[in-house]
Protein backbone atom coordinates (compact mmCIF):
# COMPACT_ATOMS: atom_id res chain seq x y z
CA GLN A 1 197.25 132.42 183.74
CA VAL A 2 196.96 132.40 187.49
CA GLN A 3 199.59 130.93 189.76
CA LEU A 4 198.46 129.83 193.21
CA VAL A 5 200.68 128.94 196.15
CA GLU A 6 199.22 127.58 199.37
CA SER A 7 200.81 127.79 202.80
CA GLY A 8 199.90 127.38 206.44
CA GLY A 9 199.48 123.64 206.68
CA GLY A 10 200.93 121.66 209.53
CA LEU A 11 200.31 119.40 212.48
CA VAL A 12 197.57 120.24 214.96
CA GLN A 13 195.67 118.36 217.64
CA ALA A 14 191.99 117.65 217.29
CA GLY A 15 190.02 120.69 218.31
CA GLY A 16 192.80 123.00 217.26
CA SER A 17 192.97 125.62 214.53
CA LEU A 18 194.93 126.34 211.39
CA ARG A 19 194.85 129.24 208.98
CA LEU A 20 195.66 128.48 205.38
CA SER A 21 196.74 131.11 202.89
CA CYS A 22 196.79 131.05 199.12
CA ALA A 23 198.80 133.71 197.34
CA ALA A 24 197.97 134.41 193.71
CA SER A 25 199.94 135.97 190.91
CA GLY A 26 199.41 136.47 187.22
CA ARG A 27 195.91 137.33 186.09
CA THR A 28 194.10 140.05 188.09
CA PHE A 29 193.28 138.42 191.38
CA SER A 30 190.16 140.46 192.03
CA ASN A 31 188.54 139.04 188.87
CA CYS A 32 188.66 135.45 190.12
CA GLY A 33 186.29 133.48 192.25
CA LEU A 34 188.28 131.32 194.64
CA GLY A 35 187.72 127.99 196.28
CA TRP A 36 189.31 125.58 198.72
CA PHE A 37 189.15 121.83 198.25
CA ARG A 38 190.67 119.01 200.26
CA GLN A 39 191.67 115.42 199.70
CA ALA A 40 192.00 112.92 202.49
CA PRO A 41 194.32 109.93 202.01
CA GLY A 42 192.67 107.38 199.75
CA LYS A 43 189.65 109.56 199.06
CA ASP A 44 188.44 111.84 196.31
CA ARG A 45 189.01 115.55 196.42
CA GLU A 46 186.04 117.40 197.91
CA PHE A 47 184.75 120.94 198.10
CA VAL A 48 185.36 122.90 201.30
CA ALA A 49 184.55 126.57 200.69
CA ALA A 50 184.37 129.23 198.00
CA ILE A 51 184.16 133.01 197.75
CA THR A 52 183.11 135.36 194.96
CA ARG A 53 185.31 138.00 193.38
CA SER A 54 183.94 140.73 195.64
CA GLY A 55 184.06 138.60 198.75
CA LEU A 56 180.41 139.35 199.44
CA SER A 57 179.19 135.80 198.85
CA THR A 58 180.57 132.59 200.28
CA ARG A 59 179.60 128.94 200.28
CA TYR A 60 180.65 126.08 202.53
CA ALA A 61 180.42 122.33 202.61
CA ASP A 62 177.92 121.24 205.24
CA SER A 63 180.64 119.44 207.17
CA VAL A 64 182.59 122.65 207.83
CA LYS A 65 179.83 125.21 208.35
CA GLY A 66 180.28 127.11 211.57
CA ARG A 67 183.92 126.01 211.92
CA PHE A 68 185.67 127.22 208.77
CA THR A 69 185.75 130.73 207.33
CA ILE A 70 186.92 131.72 203.87
CA SER A 71 188.01 135.29 203.24
CA ARG A 72 190.07 137.23 200.74
CA ASP A 73 192.23 140.31 200.64
CA ASN A 74 192.33 141.60 197.07
CA ALA A 75 194.99 144.17 197.95
CA LYS A 76 197.31 141.31 198.96
CA ASN A 77 196.17 138.89 196.26
CA THR A 78 195.51 136.33 198.95
CA VAL A 79 192.65 134.09 200.00
CA TYR A 80 192.47 132.54 203.46
CA LEU A 81 190.82 129.57 205.08
CA GLN A 82 190.48 129.78 208.84
CA MET A 83 189.82 126.30 210.21
CA ASN A 84 188.67 125.88 213.80
CA ASN A 85 187.78 122.83 215.86
CA LEU A 86 189.58 120.54 213.45
CA LYS A 87 188.84 116.84 213.37
CA PRO A 88 191.23 113.94 212.62
CA GLU A 89 189.23 113.00 209.52
CA GLU A 90 190.09 116.43 208.09
CA THR A 91 193.70 115.40 207.65
CA GLY A 92 194.84 115.67 204.07
CA GLY A 93 195.92 118.01 201.32
CA TYR A 94 194.18 121.36 200.97
CA TYR A 95 194.09 122.99 197.57
CA CYS A 96 193.30 126.49 196.42
CA ALA A 97 191.59 126.99 193.06
CA ALA A 98 190.63 129.97 190.88
CA ASP A 99 187.52 130.41 188.74
CA VAL A 100 188.06 133.08 186.09
CA LYS A 101 184.63 132.74 184.47
CA ARG A 102 182.04 133.63 187.10
CA ALA A 103 181.60 137.00 188.76
CA PHE A 104 178.73 136.65 191.20
CA THR A 105 178.29 132.99 192.00
CA VAL A 106 180.32 130.35 193.79
CA ILE A 107 180.41 126.79 192.49
CA PRO A 108 181.18 123.80 194.71
CA THR A 109 182.50 121.54 191.96
CA GLN A 110 186.07 121.02 190.80
CA SER A 111 185.21 121.37 187.13
CA ALA A 112 184.27 125.03 187.63
CA TYR A 113 187.83 125.99 188.47
CA ASP A 114 190.49 126.80 185.95
CA TYR A 115 193.69 126.99 187.98
CA TRP A 116 194.94 125.01 190.96
CA GLY A 117 197.72 125.28 193.49
CA GLN A 118 199.98 122.42 194.51
CA GLY A 119 198.35 122.08 197.90
CA THR A 120 199.37 122.26 201.53
CA LYS A 121 199.15 119.35 203.92
CA ASP A 122 197.32 119.31 207.23
CA THR A 123 197.57 116.60 209.83
CA VAL A 124 195.06 116.56 212.67
CA SER A 125 196.06 114.21 215.44
CA SER A 126 193.54 112.60 217.77
C-alpha cells in the first residue's frame, strides 16, 4: 500500500507559478515511479508528468514541456511539480499517482498507476 497526499494548490494569476508536493507513506517510496495527472472541470483526467524511481528519467505532456518540472526527494518521500507560466485552461484538480511495477520507464497513462492521491485544486485566473 502507498498513501499519497497532495498539497500546494491554490489561486494564481495567469503567468504565475505554483509548486505542488505529494508526500508518500507506506510502501518504500524509492521503489515507485511517480506521476502527476490533472483534470479540468468537465474534462477527462490527463497526464502531466512522470518520473522514474531513480529520478534520472522524466516525461512530460507536450502542453507543459518547458514550463513544468517534476522532481523527487526520496529522503523526504516526496515528489514535486513546479509549474511556471500557468494558463487559465490549466485550472483543475492535480493528482499524484504511484507505479509500483516499473523500475526504469515512465508511462503516461492512468492505467499504469496503482495508487492515487485525493488531489489538490489549482485555479488560474485570467
